[in-house]
């Protein structure tokens, strides 16, 4: 996943609003979000190549998502799959801080990652580039393939658009999907330098990425209201894109003790 935008306690009706794009190779086998048959308390998609997932929520109010930290010079093709970090948190009964401490103690040689985990009320952030567990303050936040809230152009633009969507008393889910379909191309002088070519930085710069064999595969929108009613919508894009997509929708009540 290349960009996650969220607003925590920023709207009168909704305690948490999440909008995210997952970028991946088009041929990588993936299952759309569903309540997992082997663990029906988890709602998430599934990576069928290595297992794991990139984002999920549980009936108990647990939430986790992950982005890669772009660092091609130090990429290890034999490293363990980062998607298991999200899966294992969603499957565990540990709180986010304890789970992240376990990750740090294990010392596994993952490629660069950013992990956001916790509950719909309280989130924590861990990157193996910093190795510091950080509580995430209420407010607007963005995460792409650098550290939390680093102002890459698509993060800054996305947060501005998210704030505009939340100005309405009733949030329109379609507005959030439209926001995540943004193909805006920032000028070269605003692009990050992450160790790839300028041409590649340009291709990866929009919120919605479109390349020949790689790009935005999935857009997910999650709304959690003040009564713990969850709306979960996910669109999966089928190349050639041109408007071709499938959608899953879920609405459910979190458990009473959240």
C-alpha atoms as a PDB file:
ATOM      1  CA  UNK A   1       0.000   0.000   0.000  1.00  0.00           C
ATOM      2  CA  UNK A   2       1.403   3.356  -0.949  1.00  0.00           C
ATOM      3  CA  UNK A   3      -0.777   5.877   0.828  1.00  0.00           C
ATOM      4  CA  UNK A   4      -3.000   5.853   3.917  1.00  0.00           C
ATOM      5  CA  UNK A   5      -4.880   8.960   5.028  1.00  0.00           C
ATOM      6  CA  UNK A   6      -6.935   9.093   8.197  1.00  0.00           C
ATOM      7  CA  UNK A   7      -8.750  11.443  10.507  1.00  0.00           C
ATOM      8  CA  UNK A   8      -9.110  10.544  14.165  1.00  0.00           C
ATOM      9  CA  UNK A   9     -11.741  12.406  16.190  1.00  0.00           C
ATOM     10  CA  UNK A  10     -12.098  15.119  13.529  1.00  0.00           C
ATOM     11  CA  UNK A  11     -15.813  14.849  12.755  1.00  0.00           C
ATOM     12  CA  UNK A  12     -18.924  15.167  14.893  1.00  0.00           C
ATOM     13  CA  UNK A  13     -20.387  11.897  13.612  1.00  0.00           C
ATOM     14  CA  UNK A  14     -17.304   9.764  12.931  1.00  0.00           C
ATOM     15  CA  UNK A  15     -14.514   8.890  15.341  1.00  0.00           C
ATOM     16  CA  UNK A  16     -12.307   7.425  12.594  1.00  0.00           C
ATOM     17  CA  UNK A  17     -12.179   7.923   8.835  1.00  0.00           C
ATOM     18  CA  UNK A  18      -9.616   6.000   6.763  1.00  0.00           C
ATOM     19  CA  UNK A  19      -8.931   6.169   3.031  1.00  0.00           C
ATOM     20  CA  UNK A  20      -6.102   4.141   1.532  1.00  0.00           C
ATOM     21  CA  UNK A  21      -4.605   2.916  -1.722  1.00  0.00           C
ATOM     22  CA  UNK A  22      -2.637  -0.299  -2.032  1.00  0.00           C
ATOM     23  CA  UNK A  23      -0.129  -0.318  -4.872  1.00  0.00           C
ATOM     24  CA  UNK A  24       1.117  -3.681  -6.092  1.00  0.00           C
ATOM     25  CA  UNK A  25       2.060  -5.664  -9.188  1.00  0.00           C
ATOM     26  CA  UNK A  26      -1.087  -6.414 -11.166  1.00  0.00           C
ATOM     27  CA  UNK A  27      -0.258 -10.113 -11.436  1.00  0.00           C
ATOM     28  CA  UNK A  28       0.216 -10.667  -7.698  1.00  0.00           C
ATOM     29  CA  UNK A  29      -2.670 -12.903  -6.595  1.00  0.00           C
ATOM     30  CA  UNK A  30      -4.929 -11.208  -4.067  1.00  0.00           C
ATOM     31  CA  UNK A  31      -8.296 -11.899  -2.466  1.00  0.00           C
ATOM     32  CA  UNK A  32     -10.674  -8.983  -1.848  1.00  0.00           C
ATOM     33  CA  UNK A  33     -11.699  -8.081   1.679  1.00  0.00           C
ATOM     34  CA  UNK A  34     -13.965 -10.536   3.450  1.00  0.00           C
ATOM     35  CA  UNK A  35     -14.516 -11.908   6.924  1.00  0.00           C
ATOM     36  CA  UNK A  36     -11.940 -14.668   6.938  1.00  0.00           C
ATOM     37  CA  UNK A  37     -13.498 -18.153   7.047  1.00  0.00           C
ATOM     38  CA  UNK A  38     -10.715 -19.367   9.349  1.00  0.00           C
ATOM     39  CA  UNK A  39     -11.111 -16.334  11.638  1.00  0.00           C
ATOM     40  CA  UNK A  40     -14.497 -14.661  11.103  1.00  0.00           C
ATOM     41  CA  UNK A  41     -13.705 -11.807  13.502  1.00  0.00           C
ATOM     42  CA  UNK A  42     -11.250 -10.362  10.942  1.00  0.00           C
ATOM     43  CA  UNK A  43     -12.294  -8.339   7.894  1.00  0.00           C
ATOM     44  CA  UNK A  44      -9.383  -7.939   5.484  1.00  0.00           C
ATOM     45  CA  UNK A  45      -8.076  -8.718   2.050  1.00  0.00           C
ATOM     46  CA  UNK A  46      -5.432 -11.375   1.622  1.00  0.00           C
ATOM     47  CA  UNK A  47      -2.140 -11.603  -0.242  1.00  0.00           C
ATOM     48  CA  UNK A  48      -2.109 -15.029  -1.859  1.00  0.00           C
ATOM     49  CA  UNK A  49       1.588 -14.962  -2.766  1.00  0.00           C
ATOM     50  CA  UNK A  50       3.105 -14.800   0.704  1.00  0.00           C
ATOM     51  CA  UNK A  51       0.030 -14.685   2.938  1.00  0.00           C
ATOM     52  CA  UNK A  52      -0.781 -11.826   5.239  1.00  0.00           C
ATOM     53  CA  UNK A  53      -2.650  -8.640   4.483  1.00  0.00           C
ATOM     54  CA  UNK A  54      -2.084  -4.909   4.105  1.00  0.00           C
ATOM     55  CA  UNK A  55      -5.083  -3.630   6.101  1.00  0.00           C
ATOM     56  CA  UNK A  56      -7.801  -5.049   8.309  1.00  0.00           C
ATOM     57  CA  UNK A  57     -10.281  -4.418  11.086  1.00  0.00           C
ATOM     58  CA  UNK A  58     -11.764  -6.774  13.665  1.00  0.00           C
ATOM     59  CA  UNK A  59     -15.160  -7.081  15.281  1.00  0.00           C
ATOM     60  CA  UNK A  60     -13.485  -6.122  18.554  1.00  0.00           C
ATOM     61  CA  UNK A  61     -12.360  -2.799  17.075  1.00  0.00           C
ATOM     62  CA  UNK A  62      -8.766  -3.710  16.317  1.00  0.00           C
ATOM     63  CA  UNK A  63      -7.274  -2.011  13.285  1.00  0.00           C
ATOM     64  CA  UNK A  64      -3.948  -2.322  11.480  1.00  0.00           C
ATOM     65  CA  UNK A  65      -2.391  -1.300   8.201  1.00  0.00           C
ATOM     66  CA  UNK A  66       1.077  -1.266   6.717  1.00  0.00           C
ATOM     67  CA  UNK A  67       3.073   0.512   4.029  1.00  0.00           C
ATOM     68  CA  UNK A  68       6.514  -0.284   2.706  1.00  0.00           C
ATOM     69  CA  UNK A  69       9.380   2.104   3.372  1.00  0.00           C
ATOM     70  CA  UNK A  70      10.947   2.759  -0.026  1.00  0.00           C
ATOM     71  CA  UNK A  71      14.650   1.924   0.211  1.00  0.00           C
ATOM     72  CA  UNK A  72      15.708  -0.018  -2.893  1.00  0.00           C
ATOM     73  CA  UNK A  73      19.402   0.003  -1.978  1.00  0.00           C
ATOM     74  CA  UNK A  74      18.732  -2.133   1.114  1.00  0.00           C
ATOM     75  CA  UNK A  75      15.959  -4.361  -0.257  1.00  0.00           C
ATOM     76  CA  UNK A  76      16.372  -8.039   0.657  1.00  0.00           C
ATOM     77  CA  UNK A  77      14.383 -10.413  -1.589  1.00  0.00           C
ATOM     78  CA  UNK A  78      14.671 -13.148   1.046  1.00  0.00           C
ATOM     79  CA  UNK A  79      13.262 -11.103   3.932  1.00  0.00           C
ATOM     80  CA  UNK A  80      10.050 -12.305   5.633  1.00  0.00           C
ATOM     81  CA  UNK A  81       6.765 -10.957   4.285  1.00  0.00           C
ATOM     82  CA  UNK A  82       5.730  -7.701   5.910  1.00  0.00           C
ATOM     83  CA  UNK A  83       2.048  -8.516   5.423  1.00  0.00           C
ATOM     84  CA  UNK A  84       2.280 -11.001   8.285  1.00  0.00           C
ATOM     85  CA  UNK A  85       2.800  -8.094  10.688  1.00  0.00           C
ATOM     86  CA  UNK A  86      -0.755  -6.900  10.066  1.00  0.00           C
ATOM     87  CA  UNK A  87      -2.232 -10.394  10.061  1.00  0.00           C
ATOM     88  CA  UNK A  88      -0.578 -11.415  13.313  1.00  0.00           C
ATOM     89  CA  UNK A  89      -1.736  -8.278  15.084  1.00  0.00           C
ATOM     90  CA  UNK A  90      -5.333  -8.758  13.952  1.00  0.00           C
ATOM     91  CA  UNK A  91      -5.203 -12.384  15.102  1.00  0.00           C
ATOM     92  CA  UNK A  92      -3.630 -11.605  18.475  1.00  0.00           C
ATOM     93  CA  UNK A  93      -5.168 -10.493  21.741  1.00  0.00           C
ATOM     94  CA  UNK A  94      -2.195  -8.256  22.583  1.00  0.00           C
ATOM     95  CA  UNK A  95      -2.507  -4.498  22.713  1.00  0.00           C
ATOM     96  CA  UNK A  96      -0.652  -2.576  20.019  1.00  0.00           C
ATOM     97  CA  UNK A  97       2.231  -1.443  22.212  1.00  0.00           C
ATOM     98  CA  UNK A  98       2.921  -4.960  23.474  1.00  0.00           C
ATOM     99  CA  UNK A  99       2.725  -6.347  19.966  1.00  0.00           C
ATOM    100  CA  UNK A 100       5.148  -3.743  18.645  1.00  0.00           C
ATOM    101  CA  UNK A 101       7.549  -4.417  21.511  1.00  0.00           C
ATOM    102  CA  UNK A 102       7.469  -8.066  20.487  1.00  0.00           C
ATOM    103  CA  UNK A 103       8.360  -7.123  16.908  1.00  0.00           C
ATOM    104  CA  UNK A 104      11.318  -5.058  18.105  1.00  0.00           C
ATOM    105  CA  UNK A 105      12.511  -7.802  20.453  1.00  0.00           C
ATOM    106  CA  UNK A 106      12.323 -10.457  17.743  1.00  0.00           C
ATOM    107  CA  UNK A 107      14.735  -8.487  15.589  1.00  0.00           C
ATOM    108  CA  UNK A 108      13.510 -10.063  12.361  1.00  0.00           C
ATOM    109  CA  UNK A 109      15.117  -8.689   9.247  1.00  0.00           C
ATOM    110  CA  UNK A 110      12.073  -7.274   7.492  1.00  0.00           C
ATOM    111  CA  UNK A 111      12.476  -4.917   4.607  1.00  0.00           C
ATOM    112  CA  UNK A 112      11.508  -1.356   5.474  1.00  0.00           C
ATOM    113  CA  UNK A 113       7.986  -0.997   6.834  1.00  0.00           C
ATOM    114  CA  UNK A 114       5.574   1.364   8.548  1.00  0.00           C
ATOM    115  CA  UNK A 115       3.043  -0.325  10.815  1.00  0.00           C
ATOM    116  CA  UNK A 116      -0.037   1.465  12.128  1.00  0.00           C
ATOM    117  CA  UNK A 117      -1.957  -0.594  14.668  1.00  0.00           C
ATOM    118  CA  UNK A 118      -4.282  -0.278  17.616  1.00  0.00           C
ATOM    119  CA  UNK A 119      -8.002   0.232  17.924  1.00  0.00           C
ATOM    120  CA  UNK A 120     -10.491   2.556  16.286  1.00  0.00           C
ATOM    121  CA  UNK A 121      -9.986   4.804  19.336  1.00  0.00           C
ATOM    122  CA  UNK A 122      -6.222   4.655  19.841  1.00  0.00           C
ATOM    123  CA  UNK A 123      -3.487   4.052  17.273  1.00  0.00           C
ATOM    124  CA  UNK A 124       0.260   3.481  17.465  1.00  0.00           C
ATOM    125  CA  UNK A 125       2.982   3.684  14.844  1.00  0.00           C
ATOM    126  CA  UNK A 126       6.192   1.715  14.381  1.00  0.00           C
ATOM    127  CA  UNK A 127       8.760   1.860  11.594  1.00  0.00           C
ATOM    128  CA  UNK A 128      11.810  -0.357  11.540  1.00  0.00           C
ATOM    129  CA  UNK A 129      13.662   2.696  10.212  1.00  0.00           C
ATOM    130  CA  UNK A 130      13.201   4.440  13.578  1.00  0.00           C
ATOM    131  CA  UNK A 131      12.532   1.478  15.897  1.00  0.00           C
ATOM    132  CA  UNK A 132      10.456   3.726  18.164  1.00  0.00           C
ATOM    133  CA  UNK A 133       6.839   3.035  19.140  1.00  0.00           C
ATOM    134  CA  UNK A 134       4.888   6.250  18.816  1.00  0.00           C
ATOM    135  CA  UNK A 135       1.320   6.971  19.957  1.00  0.00           C
ATOM    136  CA  UNK A 136      -0.551   8.739  17.171  1.00  0.00           C
ATOM    137  CA  UNK A 137      -2.260  11.945  18.252  1.00  0.00           C
ATOM    138  CA  UNK A 138      -5.836  12.730  17.324  1.00  0.00           C
ATOM    139  CA  UNK A 139      -6.158  14.695  14.122  1.00  0.00           C
ATOM    140  CA  UNK A 140      -5.302  14.279  10.448  1.00  0.00           C
ATOM    141  CA  UNK A 141      -2.437  12.001   9.440  1.00  0.00           C
ATOM    142  CA  UNK A 142      -0.887  10.615   6.294  1.00  0.00           C
ATOM    143  CA  UNK A 143       1.498   7.773   5.578  1.00  0.00           C
ATOM    144  CA  UNK A 144       3.079   6.838   2.284  1.00  0.00           C
ATOM    145  CA  UNK A 145       6.398   5.076   1.670  1.00  0.00           C
ATOM    146  CA  UNK A 146       8.379   7.279   4.028  1.00  0.00           C
ATOM    147  CA  UNK A 147       7.860   7.914   7.752  1.00  0.00           C
ATOM    148  CA  UNK A 148       4.609   9.034   9.371  1.00  0.00           C
ATOM    149  CA  UNK A 149       3.418  12.483   8.278  1.00  0.00           C
ATOM    150  CA  UNK A 150       6.434  13.147   6.054  1.00  0.00           C
ATOM    151  CA  UNK A 151       5.006  15.756   3.659  1.00  0.00           C
ATOM    152  CA  UNK A 152       5.368  14.055   0.307  1.00  0.00           C
ATOM    153  CA  UNK A 153       3.220  15.924  -2.240  1.00  0.00           C
ATOM    154  CA  UNK A 154       0.522  13.251  -2.431  1.00  0.00           C
ATOM    155  CA  UNK A 155       0.310  13.097   1.366  1.00  0.00           C
ATOM    156  CA  UNK A 156      -0.004  16.869   1.750  1.00  0.00           C
ATOM    157  CA  UNK A 157      -2.531  17.119  -1.076  1.00  0.00           C
ATOM    158  CA  UNK A 158      -4.432  14.090   0.200  1.00  0.00           C
ATOM    159  CA  UNK A 159      -4.747  15.476   3.720  1.00  0.00           C
ATOM    160  CA  UNK A 160      -6.009  18.775   2.369  1.00  0.00           C
ATOM    161  CA  UNK A 161      -8.627  16.928   0.328  1.00  0.00           C
ATOM    162  CA  UNK A 162      -9.563  14.716   3.279  1.00  0.00           C
ATOM    163  CA  UNK A 163     -10.132  17.758   5.479  1.00  0.00           C
ATOM    164  CA  UNK A 164     -12.380  19.216   2.781  1.00  0.00           C
ATOM    165  CA  UNK A 165     -14.434  16.003   2.670  1.00  0.00           C
ATOM    166  CA  UNK A 166     -14.885  16.118   6.440  1.00  0.00           C
ATOM    167  CA  UNK A 167     -16.233  19.653   6.378  1.00  0.00           C
ATOM    168  CA  UNK A 168     -19.603  18.187   5.445  1.00  0.00           C
ATOM    169  CA  UNK A 169     -21.942  17.056   8.224  1.00  0.00           C
ATOM    170  CA  UNK A 170     -22.525  13.862   6.250  1.00  0.00           C
ATOM    171  CA  UNK A 171     -19.413  12.332   4.729  1.00  0.00           C
ATOM    172  CA  UNK A 172     -19.906  11.130   1.165  1.00  0.00           C
ATOM    173  CA  UNK A 173     -18.018   7.889   0.584  1.00  0.00           C
ATOM    174  CA  UNK A 174     -17.871   8.638  -3.134  1.00  0.00           C
ATOM    175  CA  UNK A 175     -15.993  11.846  -2.337  1.00  0.00           C
ATOM    176  CA  UNK A 176     -13.362   9.775  -0.546  1.00  0.00           C
ATOM    177  CA  UNK A 177     -13.048   7.364  -3.463  1.00  0.00           C
ATOM    178  CA  UNK A 178     -12.700  10.300  -5.838  1.00  0.00           C
ATOM    179  CA  UNK A 179     -10.031  11.776  -3.586  1.00  0.00           C
ATOM    180  CA  UNK A 180      -8.040   8.537  -3.698  1.00  0.00           C
ATOM    181  CA  UNK A 181      -8.315   8.398  -7.499  1.00  0.00           C
ATOM    182  CA  UNK A 182      -6.261  11.597  -7.742  1.00  0.00           C
ATOM    183  CA  UNK A 183      -3.739  11.466 -10.613  1.00  0.00           C
ATOM    184  CA  UNK A 184      -2.215  14.887  -9.868  1.00  0.00           C
ATOM    185  CA  UNK A 185       1.435  15.048 -10.939  1.00  0.00           C
ATOM    186  CA  UNK A 186       3.544  17.334  -8.734  1.00  0.00           C
ATOM    187  CA  UNK A 187       6.483  19.264 -10.203  1.00  0.00           C
ATOM    188  CA  UNK A 188       9.864  17.564 -10.162  1.00  0.00           C
ATOM    189  CA  UNK A 189      11.301  19.898  -7.533  1.00  0.00           C
ATOM    190  CA  UNK A 190       8.711  18.649  -5.026  1.00  0.00           C
ATOM    191  CA  UNK A 191       9.400  14.948  -5.551  1.00  0.00           C
ATOM    192  CA  UNK A 192      11.170  12.942  -2.840  1.00  0.00           C
ATOM    193  CA  UNK A 193      14.510  11.303  -3.514  1.00  0.00           C
ATOM    194  CA  UNK A 194      14.151   7.697  -2.447  1.00  0.00           C
ATOM    195  CA  UNK A 195      16.856   5.975  -4.474  1.00  0.00           C
ATOM    196  CA  UNK A 196      14.882   5.345  -7.649  1.00  0.00           C
ATOM    197  CA  UNK A 197      15.207   7.233 -10.926  1.00  0.00           C
ATOM    198  CA  UNK A 198      13.503  10.571 -11.514  1.00  0.00           C
ATOM    199  CA  UNK A 199      11.276   8.873 -14.081  1.00  0.00           C
ATOM    200  CA  UNK A 200      10.172   6.335 -11.461  1.00  0.00           C
ATOM    201  CA  UNK A 201       9.643   9.041  -8.835  1.00  0.00           C
ATOM    202  CA  UNK A 202       7.298  10.734 -11.291  1.00  0.00           C
ATOM    203  CA  UNK A 203       5.356   7.536 -11.918  1.00  0.00           C
ATOM    204  CA  UNK A 204       4.971   6.876  -8.195  1.00  0.00           C
ATOM    205  CA  UNK A 205       4.112  10.472  -7.259  1.00  0.00           C
ATOM    206  CA  UNK A 206       0.294  10.510  -7.733  1.00  0.00           C
ATOM    207  CA  UNK A 207      -2.026   9.117  -5.092  1.00  0.00           C
ATOM    208  CA  UNK A 208      -3.395   6.740  -7.738  1.00  0.00           C
ATOM    209  CA  UNK A 209      -0.521   4.996  -9.525  1.00  0.00           C
ATOM    210  CA  UNK A 210      -0.819   3.626 -13.064  1.00  0.00           C
ATOM    211  CA  UNK A 211       2.090   1.811 -14.696  1.00  0.00           C
ATOM    212  CA  UNK A 212       2.342  -0.984 -17.231  1.00  0.00           C
ATOM    213  CA  UNK A 213       2.566  -3.850 -14.747  1.00  0.00           C
ATOM    214  CA  UNK A 214       2.240  -2.104 -11.366  1.00  0.00           C
ATOM    215  CA  UNK A 215      -0.135   0.370  -9.807  1.00  0.00           C
ATOM    216  CA  UNK A 216      -3.028   0.977  -7.456  1.00  0.00           C
ATOM    217  CA  UNK A 217      -4.809  -2.337  -7.026  1.00  0.00           C
ATOM    218  CA  UNK A 218      -7.190  -1.488  -4.203  1.00  0.00           C
ATOM    219  CA  UNK A 219      -8.827   1.543  -2.604  1.00  0.00           C
ATOM    220  CA  UNK A 220     -10.316   1.085   0.864  1.00  0.00           C
ATOM    221  CA  UNK A 221     -12.595   3.474   2.749  1.00  0.00           C
ATOM    222  CA  UNK A 222     -13.517   2.866   6.393  1.00  0.00           C
ATOM    223  CA  UNK A 223     -15.879   4.995   8.485  1.00  0.00           C
ATOM    224  CA  UNK A 224     -16.440   4.305  12.184  1.00  0.00           C
ATOM    225  CA  UNK A 225     -19.154   6.415  13.770  1.00  0.00           C
ATOM    226  CA  UNK A 226     -19.556   7.472  17.405  1.00  0.00           C
ATOM    227  CA  UNK A 227     -21.829   4.475  18.037  1.00  0.00           C
ATOM    228  CA  UNK A 228     -19.174   2.063  16.707  1.00  0.00           C
ATOM    229  CA  UNK A 229     -21.027   1.317  13.491  1.00  0.00           C
ATOM    230  CA  UNK A 230     -18.483   0.477  10.789  1.00  0.00           C
ATOM    231  CA  UNK A 231     -18.847   1.092   7.073  1.00  0.00           C
ATOM    232  CA  UNK A 232     -16.177  -0.723   5.066  1.00  0.00           C
ATOM    233  CA  UNK A 233     -15.946  -0.374   1.292  1.00  0.00           C
ATOM    234  CA  UNK A 234     -13.186  -1.640  -0.938  1.00  0.00           C
ATOM    235  CA  UNK A 235     -12.712  -1.239  -4.677  1.00  0.00           C
ATOM    236  CA  UNK A 236     -10.312  -3.500  -6.542  1.00  0.00           C
ATOM    237  CA  UNK A 237      -9.110  -2.313  -9.927  1.00  0.00           C
ATOM    238  CA  UNK A 238      -8.597  -4.693 -12.825  1.00  0.00           C
ATOM    239  CA  UNK A 239      -6.066  -3.675 -15.489  1.00  0.00           C
ATOM    240  CA  UNK A 240      -6.353  -2.270 -18.023  1.00  0.00           C
ATOM    241  CA  UNK A 241      -7.936   0.173 -15.569  1.00  0.00           C
ATOM    242  CA  UNK A 242     -10.171   2.526 -17.549  1.00  0.00           C
ATOM    243  CA  UNK A 243     -12.889   2.394 -14.927  1.00  0.00           C
ATOM    244  CA  UNK A 244     -12.926  -1.381 -14.479  1.00  0.00           C
ATOM    245  CA  UNK A 245     -13.350  -2.269 -10.814  1.00  0.00           C
ATOM    246  CA  UNK A 246     -15.160  -4.563  -8.426  1.00  0.00           C
ATOM    247  CA  UNK A 247     -16.445  -3.514  -5.020  1.00  0.00           C
ATOM    248  CA  UNK A 248     -17.230  -5.163  -1.705  1.00  0.00           C
ATOM    249  CA  UNK A 249     -19.278  -3.471   1.019  1.00  0.00           C
ATOM    250  CA  UNK A 250     -19.696  -4.341   4.680  1.00  0.00           C
ATOM    251  CA  UNK A 251     -21.546  -2.652   7.519  1.00  0.00           C
ATOM    252  CA  UNK A 252     -21.401  -4.019  11.044  1.00  0.00           C
ATOM    253  CA  UNK A 253     -21.493  -3.087  14.707  1.00  0.00           C
ATOM    254  CA  UNK A 254     -18.368  -3.397  16.807  1.00  0.00           C
ATOM    255  CA  UNK A 255     -18.591  -5.407  19.999  1.00  0.00           C
ATOM    256  CA  UNK A 256     -20.233  -3.592  22.895  1.00  0.00           C
ATOM    257  CA  UNK A 257     -17.144  -3.262  25.116  1.00  0.00           C
ATOM    258  CA  UNK A 258     -15.146  -1.134  22.658  1.00  0.00           C
END
